[in-house]
Amino acid sequence: MTQHSNVARIAGQMAGAGRIRTRAMFGQYGVYCDDTFIGVICNDRLFVKVTKAGRTSAPDLPLEPAYDGAKPSLAIPEDRIEDGEWLSRLIRTTTDALAKPAKR
């Protein structure tokens, strides 16, 4: 189970990427940047959707599923989360590479 205090801390570290929002989902949290779903926080770990641009900017990060049955995502280690500038760049790169949600 993910602790809300960790969700707030992780979201704060990526605030330089844009408007960050989290949403509780089945005991874990979905992460959105500028209304684009970019990853999840599961068991207090950050997983970011894989994009070509994101993979190019962080080729050393392991790919792991956030939970059983999930597609592999970039598993962000704690030391990289603590580097807010680096994390914000990765989140912005990922957001820009993903399709924008349709307006309703």
PDB file of N, CA and C in Angstrom:
ATOM      1  N   MET A   1       0.840  -1.180   0.000  1.00  0.00           N
ATOM      2  CA  MET A   1       0.000   0.000   0.000  1.00  0.00           C
ATOM      3  C   MET A   1       0.886   1.244   0.000  1.00  0.00           C
ATOM      4  N   THR A   2       0.534   2.189  -0.785  1.00  0.00           N
ATOM      5  CA  THR A   2       1.298   3.424  -0.905  1.00  0.00           C
ATOM      6  C   THR A   2       0.864   4.419   0.169  1.00  0.00           C
ATOM      7  N   GLN A   3       1.823   5.049   0.800  1.00  0.00           N
ATOM      8  CA  GLN A   3       1.561   6.060   1.822  1.00  0.00           C
ATOM      9  C   GLN A   3       1.327   7.416   1.151  1.00  0.00           C
ATOM     10  N   HIS A   4       0.261   8.113   1.560  1.00  0.00           N
ATOM     11  CA  HIS A   4      -0.059   9.405   0.955  1.00  0.00           C
ATOM     12  C   HIS A   4       1.088  10.400   1.108  1.00  0.00           C
ATOM     13  N   SER A   5       1.804  10.358   2.217  1.00  0.00           N
ATOM     14  CA  SER A   5       2.924  11.291   2.409  1.00  0.00           C
ATOM     15  C   SER A   5       4.000  11.078   1.348  1.00  0.00           C
ATOM     16  N   ASN A   6       4.224   9.840   0.924  1.00  0.00           N
ATOM     17  CA  ASN A   6       5.198   9.576  -0.139  1.00  0.00           C
ATOM     18  C   ASN A   6       4.692  10.045  -1.491  1.00  0.00           C
ATOM     19  N   VAL A   7       3.400   9.926  -1.723  1.00  0.00           N
ATOM     20  CA  VAL A   7       2.816  10.415  -2.969  1.00  0.00           C
ATOM     21  C   VAL A   7       3.037  11.920  -3.077  1.00  0.00           C
ATOM     22  N   ALA A   8       2.759  12.640  -2.007  1.00  0.00           N
ATOM     23  CA  ALA A   8       2.946  14.094  -2.005  1.00  0.00           C
ATOM     24  C   ALA A   8       4.408  14.459  -2.219  1.00  0.00           C
ATOM     25  N   ARG A   9       5.310  13.728  -1.595  1.00  0.00           N
ATOM     26  CA  ARG A   9       6.749  14.004  -1.738  1.00  0.00           C
ATOM     27  C   ARG A   9       7.202  13.764  -3.178  1.00  0.00           C
ATOM     28  N   ILE A  10       6.808  12.641  -3.757  1.00  0.00           N
ATOM     29  CA  ILE A  10       7.207  12.324  -5.130  1.00  0.00           C
ATOM     30  C   ILE A  10       6.612  13.336  -6.106  1.00  0.00           C
ATOM     31  N   ALA A  11       5.338  13.667  -5.942  1.00  0.00           N
ATOM     32  CA  ALA A  11       4.698  14.656  -6.816  1.00  0.00           C
ATOM     33  C   ALA A  11       5.399  16.003  -6.707  1.00  0.00           C
ATOM     34  N   GLY A  12       5.795  16.375  -5.513  1.00  0.00           N
ATOM     35  CA  GLY A  12       6.513  17.633  -5.322  1.00  0.00           C
ATOM     36  C   GLY A  12       7.845  17.662  -6.045  1.00  0.00           C
ATOM     37  N   GLN A  13       8.506  16.527  -6.105  1.00  0.00           N
ATOM     38  CA  GLN A  13       9.811  16.454  -6.765  1.00  0.00           C
ATOM     39  C   GLN A  13       9.702  16.648  -8.274  1.00  0.00           C
ATOM     40  N   MET A  14       8.545  16.349  -8.863  1.00  0.00           N
ATOM     41  CA  MET A  14       8.387  16.487 -10.317  1.00  0.00           C
ATOM     42  C   MET A  14       7.596  17.733 -10.706  1.00  0.00           C
ATOM     43  N   ALA A  15       7.379  18.630  -9.764  1.00  0.00           N
ATOM     44  CA  ALA A  15       6.541  19.807 -10.000  1.00  0.00           C
ATOM     45  C   ALA A  15       7.060  20.705 -11.118  1.00  0.00           C
ATOM     46  N   GLY A  16       8.352  20.669 -11.384  1.00  0.00           N
ATOM     47  CA  GLY A  16       8.917  21.488 -12.452  1.00  0.00           C
ATOM     48  C   GLY A  16       8.504  21.047 -13.844  1.00  0.00           C
ATOM     49  N   ALA A  17       7.867  19.883 -13.966  1.00  0.00           N
ATOM     50  CA  ALA A  17       7.472  19.351 -15.277  1.00  0.00           C
ATOM     51  C   ALA A  17       6.178  19.966 -15.792  1.00  0.00           C
ATOM     52  N   GLY A  18       5.354  20.471 -14.900  1.00  0.00           N
ATOM     53  CA  GLY A  18       4.047  20.991 -15.286  1.00  0.00           C
ATOM     54  C   GLY A  18       3.071  20.809 -14.145  1.00  0.00           C
ATOM     55  N   ARG A  19       1.780  20.805 -14.465  1.00  0.00           N
ATOM     56  CA  ARG A  19       0.751  20.644 -13.439  1.00  0.00           C
ATOM     57  C   ARG A  19       0.630  19.164 -13.096  1.00  0.00           C
ATOM     58  N   ILE A  20       1.123  18.788 -11.925  1.00  0.00           N
ATOM     59  CA  ILE A  20       1.121  17.398 -11.478  1.00  0.00           C
ATOM     60  C   ILE A  20      -0.114  17.149 -10.628  1.00  0.00           C
ATOM     61  N   ARG A  21      -0.765  16.034 -10.914  1.00  0.00           N
ATOM     62  CA  ARG A  21      -1.953  15.638 -10.164  1.00  0.00           C
ATOM     63  C   ARG A  21      -1.862  14.141  -9.931  1.00  0.00           C
ATOM     64  N   THR A  22      -2.286  13.706  -8.749  1.00  0.00           N
ATOM     65  CA  THR A  22      -2.329  12.276  -8.457  1.00  0.00           C
ATOM     66  C   THR A  22      -3.767  11.886  -8.149  1.00  0.00           C
ATOM     67  N   ARG A  23      -4.066  10.613  -8.401  1.00  0.00           N
ATOM     68  CA  ARG A  23      -5.427  10.130  -8.170  1.00  0.00           C
ATOM     69  C   ARG A  23      -5.345   8.729  -7.575  1.00  0.00           C
ATOM     70  N   ALA A  24      -6.014   8.542  -6.445  1.00  0.00           N
ATOM     71  CA  ALA A  24      -6.043   7.226  -5.807  1.00  0.00           C
ATOM     72  C   ALA A  24      -6.742   6.232  -6.727  1.00  0.00           C
ATOM     73  N   MET A  25      -6.102   5.065  -6.890  1.00  0.00           N
ATOM     74  CA  MET A  25      -6.635   4.018  -7.759  1.00  0.00           C
ATOM     75  C   MET A  25      -6.306   2.666  -7.143  1.00  0.00           C
ATOM     76  N   PHE A  26      -7.272   1.993  -6.577  1.00  0.00           N
ATOM     77  CA  PHE A  26      -7.092   0.632  -6.063  1.00  0.00           C
ATOM     78  C   PHE A  26      -5.947   0.525  -5.061  1.00  0.00           C
ATOM     79  N   GLY A  27      -5.820   1.482  -4.178  1.00  0.00           N
ATOM     80  CA  GLY A  27      -4.776   1.455  -3.156  1.00  0.00           C
ATOM     81  C   GLY A  27      -3.445   2.012  -3.618  1.00  0.00           C
ATOM     82  N   GLN A  28      -3.350   2.343  -4.885  1.00  0.00           N
ATOM     83  CA  GLN A  28      -2.145   2.957  -5.438  1.00  0.00           C
ATOM     84  C   GLN A  28      -2.552   4.313  -6.005  1.00  0.00           C
ATOM     85  N   TYR A  29      -1.659   4.964  -6.746  1.00  0.00           N
ATOM     86  CA  TYR A  29      -1.960   6.297  -7.262  1.00  0.00           C
ATOM     87  C   TYR A  29      -1.552   6.429  -8.719  1.00  0.00           C
ATOM     88  N   GLY A  30      -2.464   6.963  -9.530  1.00  0.00           N
ATOM     89  CA  GLY A  30      -2.129   7.342 -10.894  1.00  0.00           C
ATOM     90  C   GLY A  30      -1.501   8.723 -10.857  1.00  0.00           C
ATOM     91  N   VAL A  31      -0.567   8.979 -11.770  1.00  0.00           N
ATOM     92  CA  VAL A  31       0.123  10.269 -11.823  1.00  0.00           C
ATOM     93  C   VAL A  31      -0.144  10.901 -13.188  1.00  0.00           C
ATOM     94  N   TYR A  32      -0.541  12.167 -13.159  1.00  0.00           N
ATOM     95  CA  TYR A  32      -0.850  12.923 -14.369  1.00  0.00           C
ATOM     96  C   TYR A  32       0.004  14.181 -14.407  1.00  0.00           C
ATOM     97  N   CYS A  33       0.459  14.523 -15.601  1.00  0.00           N
ATOM     98  CA  CYS A  33       1.144  15.796 -15.817  1.00  0.00           C
ATOM     99  C   CYS A  33       0.371  16.528 -16.906  1.00  0.00           C
ATOM    100  N   ASP A  34      -0.099  17.712 -16.603  1.00  0.00           N
ATOM    101  CA  ASP A  34      -0.909  18.489 -17.546  1.00  0.00           C
ATOM    102  C   ASP A  34      -2.037  17.639 -18.138  1.00  0.00           C
ATOM    103  N   ASP A  35      -2.709  16.885 -17.279  1.00  0.00           N
ATOM    104  CA  ASP A  35      -3.857  16.036 -17.617  1.00  0.00           C
ATOM    105  C   ASP A  35      -3.520  14.824 -18.482  1.00  0.00           C
ATOM    106  N   THR A  36      -2.255  14.508 -18.644  1.00  0.00           N
ATOM    107  CA  THR A  36      -1.832  13.306 -19.365  1.00  0.00           C
ATOM    108  C   THR A  36      -1.369  12.272 -18.353  1.00  0.00           C
ATOM    109  N   PHE A  37      -1.922  11.061 -18.427  1.00  0.00           N
ATOM    110  CA  PHE A  37      -1.523   9.980 -17.530  1.00  0.00           C
ATOM    111  C   PHE A  37      -0.103   9.562 -17.894  1.00  0.00           C
ATOM    112  N   ILE A  38       0.829   9.669 -16.921  1.00  0.00           N
ATOM    113  CA  ILE A  38       2.234   9.379 -17.220  1.00  0.00           C
ATOM    114  C   ILE A  38       2.807   8.235 -16.390  1.00  0.00           C
ATOM    115  N   GLY A  39       2.091   7.759 -15.392  1.00  0.00           N
ATOM    116  CA  GLY A  39       2.633   6.662 -14.597  1.00  0.00           C
ATOM    117  C   GLY A  39       1.838   6.404 -13.340  1.00  0.00           C
ATOM    118  N   VAL A  40       2.435   5.587 -12.465  1.00  0.00           N
ATOM    119  CA  VAL A  40       1.781   5.220 -11.213  1.00  0.00           C
ATOM    120  C   VAL A  40       2.794   5.203 -10.073  1.00  0.00           C
ATOM    121  N   ILE A  41       2.271   5.379  -8.884  1.00  0.00           N
ATOM    122  CA  ILE A  41       3.053   5.174  -7.670  1.00  0.00           C
ATOM    123  C   ILE A  41       2.434   3.962  -6.995  1.00  0.00           C
ATOM    124  N   CYS A  42       3.191   2.875  -6.953  1.00  0.00           N
ATOM    125  CA  CYS A  42       2.736   1.608  -6.370  1.00  0.00           C
ATOM    126  C   CYS A  42       3.720   1.177  -5.298  1.00  0.00           C
ATOM    127  N   ASN A  43       3.193   0.870  -4.130  1.00  0.00           N
ATOM    128  CA  ASN A  43       4.046   0.438  -3.015  1.00  0.00           C
ATOM    129  C   ASN A  43       5.193   1.415  -2.783  1.00  0.00           C
ATOM    130  N   ASP A  44       4.860   2.696  -2.844  1.00  0.00           N
ATOM    131  CA  ASP A  44       5.807   3.790  -2.601  1.00  0.00           C
ATOM    132  C   ASP A  44       6.933   3.863  -3.626  1.00  0.00           C
ATOM    133  N   ARG A  45       6.741   3.279  -4.803  1.00  0.00           N
ATOM    134  CA  ARG A  45       7.721   3.354  -5.889  1.00  0.00           C
ATOM    135  C   ARG A  45       7.077   4.024  -7.093  1.00  0.00           C
ATOM    136  N   LEU A  46       7.869   4.824  -7.819  1.00  0.00           N
ATOM    137  CA  LEU A  46       7.384   5.527  -9.004  1.00  0.00           C
ATOM    138  C   LEU A  46       7.706   4.724 -10.260  1.00  0.00           C
ATOM    139  N   PHE A  47       6.684   4.537 -11.087  1.00  0.00           N
ATOM    140  CA  PHE A  47       6.824   3.867 -12.375  1.00  0.00           C
ATOM    141  C   PHE A  47       6.287   4.817 -13.443  1.00  0.00           C
ATOM    142  N   VAL A  48       7.092   5.084 -14.470  1.00  0.00           N
ATOM    143  CA  VAL A  48       6.732   6.031 -15.523  1.00  0.00           C
ATOM    144  C   VAL A  48       6.539   5.274 -16.832  1.00  0.00           C
ATOM    145  N   LYS A  49       5.495   5.653 -17.576  1.00  0.00           N
ATOM    146  CA  LYS A  49       5.224   5.008 -18.859  1.00  0.00           C
ATOM    147  C   LYS A  49       6.449   5.107 -19.763  1.00  0.00           C
ATOM    148  N   VAL A  50       6.664   4.061 -20.532  1.00  0.00           N
ATOM    149  CA  VAL A  50       7.806   4.018 -21.443  1.00  0.00           C
ATOM    150  C   VAL A  50       7.452   4.732 -22.745  1.00  0.00           C
ATOM    151  N   THR A  51       8.312   5.660 -23.142  1.00  0.00           N
ATOM    152  CA  THR A  51       8.233   6.297 -24.454  1.00  0.00           C
ATOM    153  C   THR A  51       9.635   6.245 -25.048  1.00  0.00           C
ATOM    154  N   LYS A  52       9.711   6.383 -26.352  1.00  0.00           N
ATOM    155  CA  LYS A  52      11.027   6.382 -27.004  1.00  0.00           C
ATOM    156  C   LYS A  52      11.885   7.526 -26.467  1.00  0.00           C
ATOM    157  N   ALA A  53      11.296   8.705 -26.343  1.00  0.00           N
ATOM    158  CA  ALA A  53      12.040   9.865 -25.853  1.00  0.00           C
ATOM    159  C   ALA A  53      12.480   9.674 -24.403  1.00  0.00           C
ATOM    160  N   GLY A  54      11.602   9.138 -23.577  1.00  0.00           N
ATOM    161  CA  GLY A  54      11.948   8.898 -22.178  1.00  0.00           C
ATOM    162  C   GLY A  54      13.037   7.859 -22.035  1.00  0.00           C
ATOM    163  N   ARG A  55      12.951   6.809 -22.840  1.00  0.00           N
ATOM    164  CA  ARG A  55      13.961   5.749 -22.793  1.00  0.00           C
ATOM    165  C   ARG A  55      15.314   6.285 -23.256  1.00  0.00           C
ATOM    166  N   THR A  56      15.306   7.166 -24.247  1.00  0.00           N
ATOM    167  CA  THR A  56      16.546   7.772 -24.738  1.00  0.00           C
ATOM    168  C   THR A  56      17.185   8.643 -23.667  1.00  0.00           C
ATOM    169  N   SER A  57      16.366   9.370 -22.924  1.00  0.00           N
ATOM    170  CA  SER A  57      16.919  10.261 -21.899  1.00  0.00           C
ATOM    171  C   SER A  57      17.308   9.530 -20.621  1.00  0.00           C
ATOM    172  N   ALA A  58      16.845   8.298 -20.447  1.00  0.00           N
ATOM    173  CA  ALA A  58      17.173   7.527 -19.237  1.00  0.00           C
ATOM    174  C   ALA A  58      17.389   6.054 -19.594  1.00  0.00           C
ATOM    175  N   PRO A  59      18.404   5.761 -20.415  1.00  0.00           N
ATOM    176  CA  PRO A  59      18.597   4.383 -20.879  1.00  0.00           C
ATOM    177  C   PRO A  59      19.024   3.406 -19.787  1.00  0.00           C
ATOM    178  N   ASP A  60      19.521   3.932 -18.678  1.00  0.00           N
ATOM    179  CA  ASP A  60      20.019   3.076 -17.597  1.00  0.00           C
ATOM    180  C   ASP A  60      18.927   2.589 -16.647  1.00  0.00           C
ATOM    181  N   LEU A  61      17.732   3.139 -16.742  1.00  0.00           N
ATOM    182  CA  LEU A  61      16.673   2.757 -15.807  1.00  0.00           C
ATOM    183  C   LEU A  61      16.108   1.383 -16.145  1.00  0.00           C
ATOM    184  N   PRO A  62      15.840   0.572 -15.121  1.00  0.00           N
ATOM    185  CA  PRO A  62      15.266  -0.750 -15.376  1.00  0.00           C
ATOM    186  C   PRO A  62      13.797  -0.644 -15.782  1.00  0.00           C
ATOM    187  N   LEU A  63      13.360  -1.616 -16.566  1.00  0.00           N
ATOM    188  CA  LEU A  63      11.947  -1.736 -16.918  1.00  0.00           C
ATOM    189  C   LEU A  63      11.343  -2.809 -16.034  1.00  0.00           C
ATOM    190  N   GLU A  64      10.284  -2.436 -15.312  1.00  0.00           N
ATOM    191  CA  GLU A  64       9.604  -3.367 -14.409  1.00  0.00           C
ATOM    192  C   GLU A  64       8.110  -3.081 -14.449  1.00  0.00           C
ATOM    193  N   PRO A  65       7.281  -4.107 -14.285  1.00  0.00           N
ATOM    194  CA  PRO A  65       5.847  -3.836 -14.152  1.00  0.00           C
ATOM    195  C   PRO A  65       5.564  -3.264 -12.760  1.00  0.00           C
ATOM    196  N   ALA A  66       4.654  -2.320 -12.688  1.00  0.00           N
ATOM    197  CA  ALA A  66       4.306  -1.709 -11.399  1.00  0.00           C
ATOM    198  C   ALA A  66       3.541  -2.691 -10.511  1.00  0.00           C
ATOM    199  N   TYR A  67       2.823  -3.615 -11.123  1.00  0.00           N
ATOM    200  CA  TYR A  67       2.034  -4.613 -10.395  1.00  0.00           C
ATOM    201  C   TYR A  67       1.857  -5.810 -11.323  1.00  0.00           C
ATOM    202  N   ASP A  68       1.420  -6.922 -10.789  1.00  0.00           N
ATOM    203  CA  ASP A  68       1.217  -8.133 -11.594  1.00  0.00           C
ATOM    204  C   ASP A  68       0.273  -7.851 -12.752  1.00  0.00           C
ATOM    205  N   GLY A  69       0.696  -8.218 -13.938  1.00  0.00           N
ATOM    206  CA  GLY A  69      -0.125  -8.037 -15.124  1.00  0.00           C
ATOM    207  C   GLY A  69       0.063  -6.706 -15.826  1.00  0.00           C
ATOM    208  N   ALA A  70       0.823  -5.794 -15.247  1.00  0.00           N
ATOM    209  CA  ALA A  70       1.047  -4.478 -15.857  1.00  0.00           C
ATOM    210  C   ALA A  70       2.146  -4.559 -16.911  1.00  0.00           C
ATOM    211  N   LYS A  71       2.098  -3.633 -17.864  1.00  0.00           N
ATOM    212  CA  LYS A  71       3.177  -3.514 -18.837  1.00  0.00           C
ATOM    213  C   LYS A  71       4.418  -2.990 -18.117  1.00  0.00           C
ATOM    214  N   PRO A  72       5.600  -3.328 -18.615  1.00  0.00           N
ATOM    215  CA  PRO A  72       6.813  -2.775 -18.002  1.00  0.00           C
ATOM    216  C   PRO A  72       6.839  -1.248 -18.116  1.00  0.00           C
ATOM    217  N   SER A  73       7.323  -0.627 -17.069  1.00  0.00           N
ATOM    218  CA  SER A  73       7.463   0.827 -16.996  1.00  0.00           C
ATOM    219  C   SER A  73       8.875   1.152 -16.552  1.00  0.00           C
ATOM    220  N   LEU A  74       9.253   2.414 -16.694  1.00  0.00           N
ATOM    221  CA  LEU A  74      10.537   2.854 -16.154  1.00  0.00           C
ATOM    222  C   LEU A  74      10.411   2.879 -14.636  1.00  0.00           C
ATOM    223  N   ALA A  75      11.184   2.064 -13.963  1.00  0.00           N
ATOM    224  CA  ALA A  75      11.185   2.026 -12.493  1.00  0.00           C
ATOM    225  C   ALA A  75      12.193   3.060 -12.016  1.00  0.00           C
ATOM    226  N   ILE A  76      11.710   4.094 -11.363  1.00  0.00           N
ATOM    227  CA  ILE A  76      12.566   5.214 -10.970  1.00  0.00           C
ATOM    228  C   ILE A  76      13.130   4.958  -9.580  1.00  0.00           C
ATOM    229  N   PRO A  77      14.453   4.828  -9.466  1.00  0.00           N
ATOM    230  CA  PRO A  77      15.048   4.588  -8.147  1.00  0.00           C
ATOM    231  C   PRO A  77      14.963   5.831  -7.256  1.00  0.00           C
ATOM    232  N   GLU A  78      15.003   5.609  -5.975  1.00  0.00           N
ATOM    233  CA  GLU A  78      14.839   6.689  -4.991  1.00  0.00           C
ATOM    234  C   GLU A  78      15.835   7.826  -5.202  1.00  0.00           C
ATOM    235  N   ASP A  79      17.091   7.508  -5.514  1.00  0.00           N
ATOM    236  CA  ASP A  79      18.080   8.580  -5.679  1.00  0.00           C
ATOM    237  C   ASP A  79      17.746   9.478  -6.863  1.00  0.00           C
ATOM    238  N   ARG A  80      17.081   8.939  -7.896  1.00  0.00           N
ATOM    239  CA  ARG A  80      16.687   9.766  -9.035  1.00  0.00           C
ATOM    240  C   ARG A  80      15.439  10.583  -8.696  1.00  0.00           C
ATOM    241  N   ILE A  81      14.571  10.043  -7.842  1.00  0.00           N
ATOM    242  CA  ILE A  81      13.405  10.809  -7.397  1.00  0.00           C
ATOM    243  C   ILE A  81      13.863  12.033  -6.611  1.00  0.00           C
ATOM    244  N   GLU A  82      14.890  11.865  -5.813  1.00  0.00           N
ATOM    245  CA  GLU A  82      15.401  12.972  -4.996  1.00  0.00           C
ATOM    246  C   GLU A  82      16.010  14.090  -5.836  1.00  0.00           C
ATOM    247  N   ASP A  83      16.378  13.808  -7.078  1.00  0.00           N
ATOM    248  CA  ASP A  83      16.905  14.819  -7.995  1.00  0.00           C
ATOM    249  C   ASP A  83      15.725  15.409  -8.766  1.00  0.00           C
ATOM    250  N   GLY A  84      15.074  16.390  -8.158  1.00  0.00           N
ATOM    251  CA  GLY A  84      13.855  16.955  -8.722  1.00  0.00           C
ATOM    252  C   GLY A  84      14.028  17.538 -10.109  1.00  0.00           C
ATOM    253  N   GLU A  85      15.170  18.132 -10.384  1.00  0.00           N
ATOM    254  CA  GLU A  85      15.417  18.711 -11.704  1.00  0.00           C
ATOM    255  C   GLU A  85      15.458  17.606 -12.766  1.00  0.00           C
ATOM    256  N   TRP A  86      16.189  16.533 -12.474  1.00  0.00           N
ATOM    257  CA  TRP A  86      16.273  15.407 -13.413  1.00  0.00           C
ATOM    258  C   TRP A  86      14.892  14.775 -13.603  1.00  0.00           C
ATOM    259  N   LEU A  87      14.189  14.531 -12.490  1.00  0.00           N
ATOM    260  CA  LEU A  87      12.879  13.891 -12.556  1.00  0.00           C
ATOM    261  C   LEU A  87      11.894  14.748 -13.347  1.00  0.00           C
ATOM    262  N   SER A  88      11.909  16.050 -13.127  1.00  0.00           N
ATOM    263  CA  SER A  88      11.010  16.945 -13.857  1.00  0.00           C
ATOM    264  C   SER A  88      11.281  16.891 -15.357  1.00  0.00           C
ATOM    265  N   ARG A  89      12.556  16.822 -15.753  1.00  0.00           N
ATOM    266  CA  ARG A  89      12.884  16.715 -17.182  1.00  0.00           C
ATOM    267  C   ARG A  89      12.333  15.411 -17.772  1.00  0.00           C
ATOM    268  N   LEU A  90      12.509  14.302 -17.048  1.00  0.00           N
ATOM    269  CA  LEU A  90      11.998  13.018 -17.542  1.00  0.00           C
ATOM    270  C   LEU A  90      10.477  13.050 -17.671  1.00  0.00           C
ATOM    271  N   ILE A  91       9.805  13.599 -16.679  1.00  0.00           N
ATOM    272  CA  ILE A  91       8.340  13.658 -16.708  1.00  0.00           C
ATOM    273  C   ILE A  91       7.865  14.556 -17.848  1.00  0.00           C
ATOM    274  N   ARG A  92       8.523  15.695 -18.072  1.00  0.00           N
ATOM    275  CA  ARG A  92       8.145  16.585 -19.176  1.00  0.00           C
ATOM    276  C   ARG A  92       8.361  15.898 -20.521  1.00  0.00           C
ATOM    277  N   THR A  93       9.499  15.218 -20.665  1.00  0.00           N
ATOM    278  CA  THR A  93       9.803  14.493 -21.901  1.00  0.00           C
ATOM    279  C   THR A  93       8.745  13.427 -22.166  1.00  0.00           C
ATOM    280  N   THR A  94       8.380  12.698 -21.133  1.00  0.00           N
ATOM    281  CA  THR A  94       7.370  11.644 -21.264  1.00  0.00           C
ATOM    282  C   THR A  94       6.013  12.238 -21.611  1.00  0.00           C
ATOM    283  N   THR A  95       5.633  13.295 -20.927  1.00  0.00           N
ATOM    284  CA  THR A  95       4.343  13.948 -21.182  1.00  0.00           C
ATOM    285  C   THR A  95       4.256  14.423 -22.622  1.00  0.00           C
ATOM    286  N   ASP A  96       5.315  15.063 -23.094  1.00  0.00           N
ATOM    287  CA  ASP A  96       5.315  15.578 -24.466  1.00  0.00           C
ATOM    288  C   ASP A  96       5.215  14.459 -25.500  1.00  0.00           C
ATOM    289  N   ALA A  97       5.750  13.284 -25.169  1.00  0.00           N
ATOM    290  CA  ALA A  97       5.747  12.159 -26.110  1.00  0.00           C
ATOM    291  C   ALA A  97       4.410  11.412 -26.151  1.00  0.00           C
ATOM    292  N   LEU A  98       3.605  11.558 -25.124  1.00  0.00           N
ATOM    293  CA  LEU A  98       2.325  10.842 -25.056  1.00  0.00           C
ATOM    294  C   LEU A  98       1.214  11.664 -25.702  1.00  0.00           C
ATOM    295  N   ALA A  99       0.228  10.977 -26.233  1.00  0.00           N
ATOM    296  CA  ALA A  99      -0.916  11.656 -26.843  1.00  0.00           C
ATOM    297  C   ALA A  99      -1.680  12.428 -25.780  1.00  0.00           C
ATOM    298  N   LYS A 100      -2.151  13.572 -26.141  1.00  0.00           N
ATOM    299  CA  LYS A 100      -2.947  14.385 -25.231  1.00  0.00           C
ATOM    300  C   LYS A 100      -4.359  13.811 -25.147  1.00  0.00           C
ATOM    301  N   PRO A 101      -4.991  13.910 -23.967  1.00  0.00           N
ATOM    302  CA  PRO A 101      -6.363  13.406 -23.847  1.00  0.00           C
ATOM    303  C   PRO A 101      -7.323  14.241 -24.692  1.00  0.00           C
ATOM    304  N   ALA A 102      -8.346  13.591 -25.211  1.00  0.00           N
ATOM    305  CA  ALA A 102      -9.344  14.288 -26.016  1.00  0.00           C
ATOM    306  C   ALA A 102     -10.178  15.199 -25.126  1.00  0.00           C
ATOM    307  N   LYS A 103     -10.512  16.370 -25.642  1.00  0.00           N
ATOM    308  CA  LYS A 103     -11.385  17.296 -24.915  1.00  0.00           C
ATOM    309  C   LYS A 103     -12.804  16.757 -24.958  1.00  0.00           C
ATOM    310  N   ARG A 104     -13.489  16.850 -23.824  1.00  0.00           N
ATOM    311  CA  ARG A 104     -14.880  16.357 -23.764  1.00  0.00           C
ATOM    312  C   ARG A 104     -15.844  17.493 -23.890  1.00  0.00           C
TER     313      ARG A 104
END
